[in-house]
Amino acid sequence: MKTLSIRALLFGIALALAATLVPPTASAASPNLFATVAANGTLVNGNGVSSVTHTIGTGQYEVTFASNVSSCAYVSTTRNAFSQAIQSYTAGGHLSASGVYVEVKNQGGGLTDGIPFHLAVVCPNAKSAKPLVVMANGLAKRGAGLTSAFDLSTGNYVFVTNLSLAACTMIGTRGSVDKSVPFTPATVEITPGPVSNSSGIQVRNLLFFGGGLINQTFHAAAIC
C-alpha cells in the first residue's frame, strides 16, 4: 500500500511537471500581437501576424498584422547577432494601417541586414497595459486613456498614468509617431519616476554620436 502511494505521488508530480513543459499556444489563445523575425526576414513565431516583408531595402521590414494597429505603440528589440550594439526602430506601416515598419541599424546608425528582432504591438485596449506614443516635445500622440507624458528637460521624459507602476514593467523603443522613417537613431532607457504612478524615460544619442541626451519621439508601454 505504501509503495502504491509513493507511485501515485510520483505520477502526480510527473503530470504536474509535464503540464509546465507544454509549449504555450500563443497564436491560439493570446490576445497579444507580437512577432519574432529571423535574420533572413522570415517569421519565426508570432500572434496575429499576416506577413513579414523584407523587400523594402537593407535593414527595413514591414510586419503586417491581421487587424488595424495604427492606434497602438510598437516596441522592438534586436536579438544578439553580433558583438556590436545593434538596435531596432519602429514607425507606422508603410504598406497599410495593419503594418508596423521596422528598421535595424548598427551602432553608427547605418541600416543593417541579417539581424533578427522581436516586435510587440501594444494597443490601448490591451489588458493590463498602458501604451503611449510620445512626440519629441513630450506630448502624447496616441495611447491609452488617462495616460500622458511630459518633457522634464532635454532627453528626460516622464510617463504618467492612473495606476501605480510599482508592480509593472516599462519598455520603450525609439520610433516615429507616424509613418516617417525614424531617421535619427537613439537609445531609450527607463529610469525611476518621481511618483508611484510614473516612470522616467531617457532618450540618448548613440555612443557613436556622443551619447548625449536628445529630444526624440518614442514608443513606450507599462505592462502590469
N, C-alpha and C. Protein backbone atom coordinates (compact mmCIF):
# COMPACT_ATOMS: atom_id res chain seq x y z
N MET A 1 0.83 -1.20 0.00
CA MET A 1 0.00 0.00 0.00
C MET A 1 0.87 1.26 0.00
N LYS A 2 1.95 1.21 0.82
CA LYS A 2 2.85 2.34 0.89
C LYS A 2 3.53 2.58 -0.45
N THR A 3 3.92 1.46 -1.13
CA THR A 3 4.56 1.57 -2.45
C THR A 3 3.62 2.18 -3.46
N LEU A 4 2.35 1.79 -3.42
CA LEU A 4 1.36 2.34 -4.33
C LEU A 4 1.17 3.83 -4.09
N SER A 5 1.18 4.24 -2.85
CA SER A 5 1.01 5.66 -2.52
C SER A 5 2.17 6.48 -3.05
N ILE A 6 3.39 5.94 -2.90
CA ILE A 6 4.58 6.64 -3.40
C ILE A 6 4.51 6.75 -4.92
N ARG A 7 4.10 5.63 -5.57
CA ARG A 7 3.98 5.67 -7.03
C ARG A 7 2.94 6.68 -7.49
N ALA A 8 1.85 6.73 -6.78
CA ALA A 8 0.79 7.68 -7.14
C ALA A 8 1.28 9.12 -6.98
N LEU A 9 2.05 9.35 -5.91
CA LEU A 9 2.59 10.68 -5.68
C LEU A 9 3.57 11.08 -6.78
N LEU A 10 4.46 10.12 -7.13
CA LEU A 10 5.44 10.39 -8.19
C LEU A 10 4.74 10.63 -9.52
N PHE A 11 3.67 9.86 -9.78
CA PHE A 11 2.93 10.03 -11.03
C PHE A 11 2.29 11.42 -11.08
N GLY A 12 1.76 11.86 -9.93
CA GLY A 12 1.15 13.18 -9.86
C GLY A 12 2.17 14.28 -10.10
N ILE A 13 3.37 14.11 -9.52
CA ILE A 13 4.43 15.09 -9.73
C ILE A 13 4.84 15.13 -11.20
N ALA A 14 4.94 13.94 -11.82
CA ALA A 14 5.32 13.86 -13.22
C ALA A 14 4.31 14.56 -14.11
N LEU A 15 3.02 14.39 -13.80
CA LEU A 15 1.98 15.05 -14.58
C LEU A 15 2.07 16.57 -14.42
N ALA A 16 2.34 17.02 -13.20
CA ALA A 16 2.45 18.46 -12.96
C ALA A 16 3.63 19.05 -13.72
N LEU A 17 4.77 18.33 -13.73
CA LEU A 17 5.93 18.79 -14.46
C LEU A 17 5.67 18.81 -15.96
N ALA A 18 4.99 17.77 -16.44
CA ALA A 18 4.68 17.70 -17.87
C ALA A 18 3.80 18.88 -18.29
N ALA A 19 2.88 19.25 -17.42
CA ALA A 19 1.98 20.37 -17.73
C ALA A 19 2.75 21.67 -17.86
N THR A 20 3.81 21.82 -17.03
CA THR A 20 4.59 23.05 -17.09
C THR A 20 5.48 23.10 -18.32
N LEU A 21 5.74 21.94 -18.93
CA LEU A 21 6.63 21.89 -20.09
C LEU A 21 5.90 21.98 -21.41
N VAL A 22 4.58 22.01 -21.38
CA VAL A 22 3.82 22.13 -22.62
C VAL A 22 4.08 23.50 -23.22
N PRO A 23 4.50 23.57 -24.49
CA PRO A 23 4.78 24.89 -25.09
C PRO A 23 3.53 25.73 -25.17
N PRO A 24 3.62 27.05 -24.95
CA PRO A 24 2.44 27.91 -24.99
C PRO A 24 1.86 27.99 -26.39
N THR A 25 0.54 27.98 -26.47
CA THR A 25 -0.14 28.10 -27.76
C THR A 25 -0.61 29.53 -27.91
N ALA A 26 0.36 30.44 -28.03
CA ALA A 26 0.05 31.87 -28.05
C ALA A 26 -0.88 32.24 -29.19
N SER A 27 -0.64 31.67 -30.36
CA SER A 27 -1.43 32.06 -31.52
C SER A 27 -2.89 31.63 -31.39
N ALA A 28 -3.13 30.61 -30.54
CA ALA A 28 -4.49 30.13 -30.39
C ALA A 28 -5.25 30.87 -29.30
N ALA A 29 -4.53 31.30 -28.24
CA ALA A 29 -5.23 31.83 -27.08
C ALA A 29 -4.89 33.27 -26.73
N SER A 30 -3.69 33.72 -27.03
CA SER A 30 -3.25 35.03 -26.57
C SER A 30 -3.85 36.16 -27.41
N PRO A 31 -4.30 37.24 -26.75
CA PRO A 31 -4.79 38.41 -27.49
C PRO A 31 -3.64 39.34 -27.87
N ASN A 32 -2.44 39.04 -27.41
CA ASN A 32 -1.30 39.92 -27.66
C ASN A 32 -0.81 39.80 -29.10
N LEU A 33 -0.38 40.94 -29.66
CA LEU A 33 0.15 40.96 -31.02
C LEU A 33 1.66 41.07 -30.94
N PHE A 34 2.35 40.10 -31.55
CA PHE A 34 3.81 40.12 -31.49
C PHE A 34 4.38 39.31 -32.64
N ALA A 35 5.67 39.52 -32.87
CA ALA A 35 6.36 38.79 -33.93
C ALA A 35 7.84 38.63 -33.58
N THR A 36 8.38 37.47 -33.86
CA THR A 36 9.81 37.23 -33.79
C THR A 36 10.26 36.98 -35.22
N VAL A 37 11.18 37.81 -35.69
CA VAL A 37 11.62 37.75 -37.08
C VAL A 37 13.07 37.28 -37.16
N ALA A 38 13.33 36.32 -38.04
CA ALA A 38 14.66 35.73 -38.17
C ALA A 38 15.60 36.65 -38.94
N ALA A 39 16.88 36.27 -38.94
CA ALA A 39 17.90 37.07 -39.61
C ALA A 39 17.65 37.22 -41.10
N ASN A 40 16.96 36.23 -41.69
CA ASN A 40 16.67 36.31 -43.13
C ASN A 40 15.34 37.00 -43.43
N GLY A 41 14.71 37.56 -42.40
CA GLY A 41 13.49 38.31 -42.61
C GLY A 41 12.22 37.49 -42.62
N THR A 42 12.30 36.23 -42.22
CA THR A 42 11.11 35.38 -42.17
C THR A 42 10.56 35.32 -40.76
N LEU A 43 9.29 35.03 -40.64
CA LEU A 43 8.62 34.95 -39.33
C LEU A 43 8.99 33.65 -38.62
N VAL A 44 9.51 33.78 -37.39
CA VAL A 44 9.82 32.60 -36.57
C VAL A 44 8.57 32.18 -35.81
N ASN A 45 7.96 33.13 -35.11
CA ASN A 45 6.69 32.89 -34.43
C ASN A 45 6.02 34.24 -34.19
N GLY A 46 4.77 34.19 -33.79
CA GLY A 46 4.05 35.43 -33.53
C GLY A 46 2.59 35.18 -33.30
N ASN A 47 1.86 36.24 -33.12
CA ASN A 47 0.42 36.13 -32.95
C ASN A 47 -0.25 37.26 -33.70
N GLY A 48 -1.25 36.92 -34.51
CA GLY A 48 -1.97 37.91 -35.29
C GLY A 48 -1.20 38.44 -36.48
N VAL A 49 -0.10 37.77 -36.86
CA VAL A 49 0.74 38.24 -37.96
C VAL A 49 0.27 37.66 -39.28
N SER A 50 0.11 38.52 -40.28
CA SER A 50 -0.27 38.07 -41.62
C SER A 50 0.95 37.81 -42.49
N SER A 51 1.96 38.69 -42.37
CA SER A 51 3.15 38.53 -43.21
C SER A 51 4.28 39.40 -42.71
N VAL A 52 5.49 39.09 -43.17
CA VAL A 52 6.67 39.92 -42.94
C VAL A 52 7.29 40.19 -44.30
N THR A 53 7.50 41.48 -44.61
CA THR A 53 8.09 41.87 -45.89
C THR A 53 9.48 42.43 -45.67
N HIS A 54 10.44 41.92 -46.43
CA HIS A 54 11.81 42.42 -46.32
C HIS A 54 12.37 42.74 -47.72
N THR A 55 11.54 43.33 -48.53
CA THR A 55 11.96 43.71 -49.88
C THR A 55 12.05 45.23 -50.02
N ILE A 56 11.84 45.93 -48.90
CA ILE A 56 11.84 47.40 -48.93
C ILE A 56 13.26 47.92 -49.13
N GLY A 57 14.23 47.33 -48.46
CA GLY A 57 15.62 47.76 -48.54
C GLY A 57 16.43 47.18 -47.41
N THR A 58 17.72 47.43 -47.40
CA THR A 58 18.61 46.91 -46.36
C THR A 58 18.14 47.35 -44.97
N GLY A 59 17.98 46.37 -44.09
CA GLY A 59 17.60 46.66 -42.71
C GLY A 59 16.20 47.20 -42.52
N GLN A 60 15.35 47.08 -43.54
CA GLN A 60 13.99 47.62 -43.47
C GLN A 60 12.96 46.50 -43.63
N TYR A 61 11.98 46.51 -42.74
CA TYR A 61 10.98 45.44 -42.71
C TYR A 61 9.59 46.03 -42.52
N GLU A 62 8.60 45.28 -42.93
CA GLU A 62 7.21 45.61 -42.63
C GLU A 62 6.54 44.35 -42.10
N VAL A 63 6.09 44.43 -40.85
CA VAL A 63 5.36 43.31 -40.24
C VAL A 63 3.88 43.66 -40.30
N THR A 64 3.12 42.86 -41.02
CA THR A 64 1.69 43.13 -41.20
C THR A 64 0.86 42.21 -40.33
N PHE A 65 -0.07 42.79 -39.59
CA PHE A 65 -0.95 42.03 -38.71
C PHE A 65 -2.33 41.88 -39.35
N ALA A 66 -3.16 41.08 -38.73
CA ALA A 66 -4.49 40.80 -39.28
C ALA A 66 -5.51 41.86 -38.90
N SER A 67 -5.09 42.87 -38.15
CA SER A 67 -6.00 43.92 -37.72
C SER A 67 -5.30 45.27 -37.82
N ASN A 68 -6.09 46.33 -37.76
CA ASN A 68 -5.56 47.69 -37.81
C ASN A 68 -4.80 47.99 -36.52
N VAL A 69 -3.53 48.37 -36.64
CA VAL A 69 -2.72 48.63 -35.45
C VAL A 69 -2.24 50.09 -35.41
N SER A 70 -2.89 50.95 -36.17
CA SER A 70 -2.43 52.33 -36.28
C SER A 70 -2.59 53.14 -34.99
N SER A 71 -3.39 52.65 -34.06
CA SER A 71 -3.58 53.36 -32.78
C SER A 71 -2.68 52.82 -31.67
N CYS A 72 -1.80 51.91 -32.01
CA CYS A 72 -1.02 51.18 -31.00
C CYS A 72 0.41 51.72 -30.87
N ALA A 73 1.12 51.23 -29.87
CA ALA A 73 2.54 51.50 -29.69
C ALA A 73 3.32 50.28 -30.16
N TYR A 74 4.50 50.52 -30.74
CA TYR A 74 5.32 49.44 -31.29
C TYR A 74 6.67 49.43 -30.58
N VAL A 75 6.90 48.40 -29.80
CA VAL A 75 8.18 48.29 -29.08
C VAL A 75 8.95 47.10 -29.65
N SER A 76 10.24 47.31 -29.84
CA SER A 76 11.04 46.30 -30.52
C SER A 76 12.45 46.27 -29.98
N THR A 77 13.08 45.11 -30.08
CA THR A 77 14.48 44.97 -29.72
C THR A 77 15.10 43.91 -30.61
N THR A 78 16.40 44.02 -30.84
CA THR A 78 17.09 43.04 -31.66
C THR A 78 17.55 41.87 -30.80
N ARG A 79 17.80 40.78 -31.48
CA ARG A 79 18.39 39.61 -30.82
C ARG A 79 19.89 39.66 -31.09
N ASN A 80 20.69 39.31 -30.09
CA ASN A 80 22.14 39.44 -30.21
C ASN A 80 22.67 38.58 -31.36
N ALA A 81 23.13 39.23 -32.41
CA ALA A 81 23.67 38.52 -33.56
C ALA A 81 25.14 38.86 -33.81
N PHE A 82 25.58 39.99 -33.30
CA PHE A 82 26.97 40.43 -33.44
C PHE A 82 27.46 40.96 -32.11
N SER A 83 28.76 41.24 -32.03
CA SER A 83 29.32 41.76 -30.79
C SER A 83 28.98 43.24 -30.60
N GLN A 84 28.73 43.96 -31.69
CA GLN A 84 28.42 45.38 -31.56
C GLN A 84 26.95 45.61 -31.24
N ALA A 85 26.66 46.77 -30.67
CA ALA A 85 25.28 47.10 -30.32
C ALA A 85 24.48 47.41 -31.58
N ILE A 86 23.38 46.71 -31.75
CA ILE A 86 22.51 46.92 -32.90
C ILE A 86 21.09 47.05 -32.36
N GLN A 87 20.35 48.02 -32.89
CA GLN A 87 19.01 48.29 -32.36
C GLN A 87 17.97 48.34 -33.47
N SER A 88 16.73 48.18 -33.05
CA SER A 88 15.61 48.28 -33.99
C SER A 88 14.77 49.50 -33.66
N TYR A 89 14.14 50.07 -34.69
CA TYR A 89 13.37 51.30 -34.58
C TYR A 89 12.04 51.10 -35.32
N THR A 90 10.99 51.77 -34.87
CA THR A 90 9.66 51.48 -35.39
C THR A 90 8.95 52.73 -35.92
N ALA A 91 7.96 52.47 -36.77
CA ALA A 91 7.10 53.54 -37.30
C ALA A 91 5.81 52.89 -37.79
N GLY A 92 4.84 53.72 -38.12
CA GLY A 92 3.60 53.21 -38.68
C GLY A 92 3.84 52.50 -40.01
N GLY A 93 2.97 51.56 -40.34
CA GLY A 93 3.14 50.77 -41.55
C GLY A 93 3.18 51.60 -42.82
N HIS A 94 4.11 51.28 -43.69
CA HIS A 94 4.21 51.96 -44.98
C HIS A 94 3.30 51.33 -46.03
N LEU A 95 2.89 50.09 -45.78
CA LEU A 95 2.07 49.37 -46.75
C LEU A 95 0.59 49.40 -46.42
N SER A 96 0.26 49.47 -45.12
CA SER A 96 -1.15 49.50 -44.71
C SER A 96 -1.25 49.91 -43.25
N ALA A 97 -2.48 50.18 -42.80
CA ALA A 97 -2.72 50.53 -41.39
C ALA A 97 -2.57 49.32 -40.47
N SER A 98 -2.43 48.14 -41.06
CA SER A 98 -2.24 46.92 -40.28
C SER A 98 -0.77 46.58 -40.11
N GLY A 99 0.10 47.44 -40.62
CA GLY A 99 1.52 47.14 -40.60
C GLY A 99 2.32 47.97 -39.62
N VAL A 100 3.50 47.46 -39.29
CA VAL A 100 4.49 48.17 -38.49
C VAL A 100 5.80 48.15 -39.27
N TYR A 101 6.33 49.34 -39.51
CA TYR A 101 7.61 49.46 -40.21
C TYR A 101 8.74 49.36 -39.18
N VAL A 102 9.74 48.53 -39.47
CA VAL A 102 10.86 48.33 -38.55
C VAL A 102 12.18 48.53 -39.30
N GLU A 103 13.05 49.31 -38.70
CA GLU A 103 14.41 49.46 -39.22
C GLU A 103 15.40 48.90 -38.22
N VAL A 104 16.44 48.25 -38.73
CA VAL A 104 17.52 47.74 -37.88
C VAL A 104 18.80 48.47 -38.26
N LYS A 105 19.45 49.09 -37.25
CA LYS A 105 20.64 49.89 -37.51
C LYS A 105 21.79 49.48 -36.60
N ASN A 106 23.00 49.66 -37.12
CA ASN A 106 24.18 49.37 -36.31
C ASN A 106 24.50 50.56 -35.41
N GLN A 107 25.59 50.45 -34.65
CA GLN A 107 25.89 51.49 -33.65
C GLN A 107 26.33 52.81 -34.28
N GLY A 108 26.58 52.80 -35.57
CA GLY A 108 26.88 54.05 -36.26
C GLY A 108 25.67 54.63 -36.97
N GLY A 109 24.51 53.97 -36.81
CA GLY A 109 23.27 54.46 -37.41
C GLY A 109 23.03 53.96 -38.81
N GLY A 110 23.86 53.04 -39.31
CA GLY A 110 23.67 52.52 -40.65
C GLY A 110 22.70 51.34 -40.70
N LEU A 111 21.85 51.31 -41.70
CA LEU A 111 20.92 50.20 -41.87
C LEU A 111 21.68 48.90 -42.07
N THR A 112 21.22 47.84 -41.40
CA THR A 112 21.96 46.58 -41.38
C THR A 112 21.04 45.39 -41.59
N ASP A 113 21.45 44.50 -42.47
CA ASP A 113 20.70 43.27 -42.73
C ASP A 113 21.18 42.14 -41.84
N GLY A 114 20.43 41.05 -41.84
CA GLY A 114 20.85 39.83 -41.15
C GLY A 114 20.73 39.87 -39.65
N ILE A 115 19.86 40.73 -39.13
CA ILE A 115 19.70 40.87 -37.67
C ILE A 115 18.29 40.44 -37.27
N PRO A 116 18.15 39.38 -36.49
CA PRO A 116 16.81 39.01 -36.01
C PRO A 116 16.30 40.03 -34.99
N PHE A 117 14.97 40.15 -34.91
CA PHE A 117 14.41 41.10 -33.95
C PHE A 117 13.07 40.61 -33.41
N HIS A 118 12.68 41.20 -32.30
CA HIS A 118 11.39 40.93 -31.65
C HIS A 118 10.55 42.20 -31.72
N LEU A 119 9.27 42.05 -31.94
CA LEU A 119 8.34 43.19 -32.02
C LEU A 119 7.08 42.88 -31.23
N ALA A 120 6.68 43.82 -30.38
CA ALA A 120 5.40 43.70 -29.66
C ALA A 120 4.56 44.93 -29.98
N VAL A 121 3.32 44.69 -30.30
CA VAL A 121 2.37 45.77 -30.59
C VAL A 121 1.41 45.87 -29.41
N VAL A 122 1.44 47.00 -28.72
CA VAL A 122 0.63 47.18 -27.51
C VAL A 122 -0.45 48.22 -27.82
N CYS A 123 -1.68 47.79 -27.83
CA CYS A 123 -2.80 48.66 -28.21
C CYS A 123 -3.51 49.22 -26.97
N PRO A 124 -4.23 50.32 -27.12
CA PRO A 124 -4.91 50.93 -25.97
C PRO A 124 -5.88 50.02 -25.25
N ASN A 125 -6.44 49.03 -25.97
CA ASN A 125 -7.40 48.13 -25.33
C ASN A 125 -6.74 46.87 -24.77
N ALA A 126 -5.41 46.81 -24.80
CA ALA A 126 -4.71 45.64 -24.26
C ALA A 126 -4.92 45.53 -22.76
N LYS A 127 -5.14 44.33 -22.30
CA LYS A 127 -5.40 44.10 -20.88
C LYS A 127 -4.13 44.35 -20.08
N SER A 128 -4.28 45.08 -18.97
CA SER A 128 -3.18 45.36 -18.03
C SER A 128 -1.98 46.01 -18.70
N ALA A 129 -2.24 46.89 -19.65
CA ALA A 129 -1.15 47.59 -20.34
C ALA A 129 -1.52 49.05 -20.57
N LYS A 130 -0.51 49.90 -20.56
CA LYS A 130 -0.68 51.33 -20.80
C LYS A 130 0.33 51.78 -21.86
N PRO A 131 -0.04 51.68 -23.14
CA PRO A 131 0.88 52.11 -24.20
C PRO A 131 0.80 53.61 -24.43
N LEU A 132 1.88 54.20 -24.94
CA LEU A 132 1.90 55.62 -25.24
C LEU A 132 2.95 55.89 -26.32
N VAL A 133 2.54 56.67 -27.30
CA VAL A 133 3.45 57.12 -28.35
C VAL A 133 3.68 58.61 -28.13
N VAL A 134 4.94 58.99 -27.94
CA VAL A 134 5.26 60.33 -27.44
C VAL A 134 6.05 61.12 -28.48
N MET A 135 5.63 62.37 -28.66
CA MET A 135 6.34 63.27 -29.57
C MET A 135 7.60 63.80 -28.91
N ALA A 136 8.48 64.40 -29.70
CA ALA A 136 9.75 64.90 -29.18
C ALA A 136 9.57 65.96 -28.09
N ASN A 137 8.46 66.71 -28.14
CA ASN A 137 8.21 67.74 -27.14
C ASN A 137 7.59 67.20 -25.86
N GLY A 138 7.40 65.89 -25.79
CA GLY A 138 6.89 65.25 -24.58
C GLY A 138 5.40 65.03 -24.55
N LEU A 139 4.67 65.58 -25.51
CA LEU A 139 3.22 65.39 -25.55
C LEU A 139 2.87 64.05 -26.21
N ALA A 140 1.79 63.45 -25.75
CA ALA A 140 1.37 62.16 -26.29
C ALA A 140 0.69 62.34 -27.65
N LYS A 141 1.08 61.51 -28.58
CA LYS A 141 0.44 61.49 -29.89
C LYS A 141 -0.78 60.57 -29.87
N ARG A 142 -0.63 59.44 -29.21
CA ARG A 142 -1.73 58.49 -29.06
C ARG A 142 -1.37 57.52 -27.94
N GLY A 143 -2.38 56.80 -27.45
CA GLY A 143 -2.10 55.82 -26.40
C GLY A 143 -3.32 55.51 -25.56
N ALA A 144 -3.08 54.91 -24.41
CA ALA A 144 -4.15 54.50 -23.50
C ALA A 144 -4.77 55.72 -22.82
N GLY A 145 -6.02 55.55 -22.39
CA GLY A 145 -6.71 56.61 -21.66
C GLY A 145 -6.06 56.88 -20.32
N LEU A 146 -6.18 58.11 -19.86
CA LEU A 146 -5.63 58.54 -18.57
C LEU A 146 -4.14 58.28 -18.46
N THR A 147 -3.46 58.38 -19.59
CA THR A 147 -2.01 58.19 -19.65
C THR A 147 -1.41 59.32 -20.48
N SER A 148 -0.35 59.93 -19.99
CA SER A 148 0.24 61.06 -20.69
C SER A 148 1.75 61.10 -20.41
N ALA A 149 2.39 62.13 -20.95
CA ALA A 149 3.82 62.29 -20.73
C ALA A 149 4.17 63.77 -20.80
N PHE A 150 5.35 64.12 -20.29
CA PHE A 150 5.84 65.48 -20.45
C PHE A 150 7.36 65.46 -20.49
N ASP A 151 7.92 66.50 -21.07
CA ASP A 151 9.36 66.64 -21.22
C ASP A 151 9.90 67.42 -20.03
N LEU A 152 10.62 66.74 -19.15
CA LEU A 152 11.15 67.37 -17.94
C LEU A 152 12.35 68.27 -18.28
N SER A 153 13.22 67.77 -19.16
CA SER A 153 14.37 68.51 -19.66
C SER A 153 14.85 67.78 -20.90
N THR A 154 15.87 68.27 -21.54
CA THR A 154 16.33 67.64 -22.78
C THR A 154 16.57 66.14 -22.58
N GLY A 155 15.85 65.34 -23.34
CA GLY A 155 16.01 63.89 -23.28
C GLY A 155 15.45 63.21 -22.07
N ASN A 156 14.89 63.96 -21.13
CA ASN A 156 14.31 63.40 -19.91
C ASN A 156 12.79 63.55 -19.95
N TYR A 157 12.09 62.44 -20.03
CA TYR A 157 10.64 62.45 -20.11
C TYR A 157 10.04 61.75 -18.89
N VAL A 158 8.81 62.11 -18.58
CA VAL A 158 8.08 61.43 -17.51
C VAL A 158 6.79 60.86 -18.09
N PHE A 159 6.60 59.57 -17.91
CA PHE A 159 5.40 58.83 -18.32
C PHE A 159 4.49 58.75 -17.10
N VAL A 160 3.23 59.17 -17.24
CA VAL A 160 2.31 59.23 -16.11
C VAL A 160 1.00 58.53 -16.48
N THR A 161 0.49 57.73 -15.56
CA THR A 161 -0.78 57.06 -15.81
C THR A 161 -1.61 57.06 -14.53
N ASN A 162 -2.76 56.40 -14.56
CA ASN A 162 -3.70 56.49 -13.43
C ASN A 162 -3.58 55.33 -12.46
N LEU A 163 -2.51 54.57 -12.52
CA LEU A 163 -2.32 53.48 -11.57
C LEU A 163 -0.86 53.39 -11.16
N SER A 164 -0.63 52.75 -10.03
CA SER A 164 0.73 52.59 -9.55
C SER A 164 1.50 51.66 -10.48
N LEU A 165 2.73 52.04 -10.79
CA LEU A 165 3.57 51.23 -11.66
C LEU A 165 4.57 50.39 -10.87
N ALA A 166 4.38 50.33 -9.57
CA ALA A 166 5.34 49.62 -8.71
C ALA A 166 5.46 48.14 -9.07
N ALA A 167 4.35 47.55 -9.50
CA ALA A 167 4.36 46.12 -9.84
C ALA A 167 4.39 45.88 -11.34
N CYS A 168 4.70 46.92 -12.11
CA CYS A 168 4.68 46.82 -13.57
C CYS A 168 6.09 46.84 -14.15
N THR A 169 6.21 46.50 -15.41
CA THR A 169 7.46 46.67 -16.13
C THR A 169 7.27 47.72 -17.22
N MET A 170 8.31 48.49 -17.48
CA MET A 170 8.27 49.52 -18.51
C MET A 170 9.19 49.14 -19.65
N ILE A 171 8.73 49.34 -20.88
CA ILE A 171 9.54 49.09 -22.05
C ILE A 171 9.42 50.27 -23.00
N GLY A 172 10.46 50.51 -23.79
CA GLY A 172 10.42 51.64 -24.70
C GLY A 172 11.30 51.43 -25.91
N THR A 173 10.97 52.09 -27.01
CA THR A 173 11.71 51.99 -28.27
C THR A 173 11.71 53.34 -28.95
N ARG A 174 12.80 53.73 -29.52
CA ARG A 174 12.85 54.91 -30.37
C ARG A 174 12.04 54.62 -31.63
N GLY A 175 11.01 55.42 -31.85
CA GLY A 175 10.15 55.21 -33.00
C GLY A 175 9.45 56.49 -33.40
N SER A 176 8.97 56.53 -34.63
CA SER A 176 8.24 57.69 -35.13
C SER A 176 6.79 57.67 -34.64
N VAL A 177 6.18 58.84 -34.58
CA VAL A 177 4.78 58.92 -34.16
C VAL A 177 3.84 58.72 -35.35
N ASP A 178 4.42 58.64 -36.55
CA ASP A 178 3.62 58.44 -37.76
C ASP A 178 4.34 57.44 -38.66
N LYS A 179 4.20 57.58 -39.97
CA LYS A 179 4.83 56.64 -40.89
C LYS A 179 6.24 57.04 -41.30
N SER A 180 6.68 58.19 -40.85
CA SER A 180 8.00 58.67 -41.28
C SER A 180 9.11 57.77 -40.73
N VAL A 181 10.19 57.67 -41.48
CA VAL A 181 11.32 56.85 -41.07
C VAL A 181 11.97 57.46 -39.83
N PRO A 182 12.23 56.67 -38.78
CA PRO A 182 12.92 57.19 -37.59
C PRO A 182 14.38 57.45 -37.91
N PHE A 183 14.65 58.59 -38.55
CA PHE A 183 15.95 58.85 -39.15
C PHE A 183 17.07 58.92 -38.12
N THR A 184 16.85 59.64 -37.02
CA THR A 184 17.90 59.81 -36.01
C THR A 184 17.88 58.66 -35.01
N PRO A 185 18.88 57.78 -35.03
CA PRO A 185 18.89 56.66 -34.09
C PRO A 185 19.19 57.14 -32.68
N ALA A 186 18.60 56.50 -31.69
CA ALA A 186 18.81 56.86 -30.29
C ALA A 186 18.43 55.68 -29.42
N THR A 187 18.89 55.71 -28.19
CA THR A 187 18.51 54.68 -27.22
C THR A 187 17.40 55.21 -26.33
N VAL A 188 16.57 54.31 -25.85
CA VAL A 188 15.50 54.66 -24.90
C VAL A 188 15.74 53.85 -23.64
N GLU A 189 15.90 54.54 -22.52
CA GLU A 189 16.21 53.89 -21.25
C GLU A 189 15.17 54.26 -20.20
N ILE A 190 14.83 53.30 -19.35
CA ILE A 190 13.84 53.51 -18.30
C ILE A 190 14.54 53.94 -17.02
N THR A 191 14.03 55.00 -16.38
CA THR A 191 14.57 55.50 -15.13
C THR A 191 13.44 55.62 -14.10
N PRO A 192 13.75 55.76 -12.83
CA PRO A 192 12.69 55.89 -11.83
C PRO A 192 11.84 57.13 -12.06
N GLY A 193 10.55 57.02 -11.80
CA GLY A 193 9.65 58.16 -11.91
C GLY A 193 9.58 58.93 -10.61
N PRO A 194 9.13 60.18 -10.65
CA PRO A 194 9.06 60.99 -9.43
C PRO A 194 7.99 60.53 -8.45
N VAL A 195 6.93 59.87 -8.94
CA VAL A 195 5.87 59.36 -8.07
C VAL A 195 5.52 57.94 -8.52
N SER A 196 4.73 57.23 -7.71
CA SER A 196 4.49 55.80 -7.95
C SER A 196 3.73 55.50 -9.24
N ASN A 197 2.96 56.46 -9.73
CA ASN A 197 2.21 56.23 -10.96
C ASN A 197 2.92 56.81 -12.18
N SER A 198 4.24 56.90 -12.07
CA SER A 198 5.01 57.47 -13.17
C SER A 198 6.30 56.67 -13.39
N SER A 199 6.90 56.91 -14.55
CA SER A 199 8.20 56.33 -14.87
C SER A 199 9.01 57.35 -15.64
N GLY A 200 10.28 57.41 -15.36
CA GLY A 200 11.16 58.26 -16.14
C GLY A 200 11.61 57.55 -17.41
N ILE A 201 11.81 58.29 -18.47
CA ILE A 201 12.31 57.74 -19.73
C ILE A 201 13.38 58.68 -20.27
N GLN A 202 14.56 58.15 -20.54
CA GLN A 202 15.65 58.94 -21.10
C GLN A 202 15.91 58.52 -22.54
N VAL A 203 16.10 59.51 -23.39
CA VAL A 203 16.45 59.26 -24.79
C VAL A 203 17.83 59.84 -25.04
N ARG A 204 18.73 59.01 -25.56
CA ARG A 204 20.10 59.43 -25.77
C ARG A 204 20.57 59.15 -27.20
N ASN A 205 21.46 60.00 -27.69
CA ASN A 205 22.16 59.71 -28.92
C ASN A 205 22.94 58.42 -28.77
N LEU A 206 23.20 57.74 -29.88
CA LEU A 206 24.08 56.59 -29.83
C LEU A 206 25.46 57.05 -29.37
N LEU A 207 26.21 56.14 -28.74
CA LEU A 207 27.54 56.47 -28.25
C LEU A 207 28.43 56.97 -29.39
N PHE A 208 28.22 56.47 -30.58
CA PHE A 208 28.98 56.89 -31.77
C PHE A 208 28.82 58.40 -32.01
N PHE A 209 27.65 58.92 -31.61
CA PHE A 209 27.37 60.35 -31.80
C PHE A 209 27.51 61.14 -30.50
N GLY A 210 28.15 60.55 -29.50
CA GLY A 210 28.43 61.26 -28.26
C GLY A 210 27.64 60.79 -27.05
N GLY A 211 26.50 60.12 -27.28
CA GLY A 211 25.73 59.56 -26.17
C GLY A 211 24.98 60.58 -25.33
N GLY A 212 24.87 61.81 -25.80
CA GLY A 212 24.19 62.84 -25.02
C GLY A 212 22.68 62.74 -25.09
N LEU A 213 22.03 63.32 -24.10
CA LEU A 213 20.56 63.35 -24.06
C LEU A 213 20.03 64.16 -25.24
N ILE A 214 18.92 63.69 -25.80
CA ILE A 214 18.36 64.31 -27.00
C ILE A 214 16.84 64.14 -27.00
N ASN A 215 16.13 65.11 -27.50
CA ASN A 215 14.68 65.00 -27.63
C ASN A 215 14.34 64.29 -28.94
N GLN A 216 13.69 63.13 -28.82
CA GLN A 216 13.26 62.36 -29.98
C GLN A 216 11.95 61.65 -29.65
N THR A 217 11.20 61.32 -30.67
CA THR A 217 9.95 60.59 -30.47
C THR A 217 10.23 59.15 -30.04
N PHE A 218 9.29 58.57 -29.31
CA PHE A 218 9.48 57.19 -28.86
C PHE A 218 8.14 56.53 -28.56
N HIS A 219 8.18 55.21 -28.47
CA HIS A 219 7.03 54.38 -28.09
C HIS A 219 7.33 53.75 -26.75
N ALA A 220 6.37 53.74 -25.83
CA ALA A 220 6.58 53.15 -24.51
C ALA A 220 5.32 52.44 -24.07
N ALA A 221 5.48 51.52 -23.13
CA ALA A 221 4.32 50.82 -22.57
C ALA A 221 4.63 50.32 -21.17
N ALA A 222 3.66 50.47 -20.29
CA ALA A 222 3.72 49.85 -18.97
C ALA A 222 2.91 48.57 -19.05
N ILE A 223 3.52 47.46 -18.67
CA ILE A 223 2.85 46.16 -18.69
C ILE A 223 2.70 45.72 -17.25
N CYS A 224 1.47 45.52 -16.81
CA CYS A 224 1.21 45.25 -15.39
C CYS A 224 0.56 43.88 -15.19
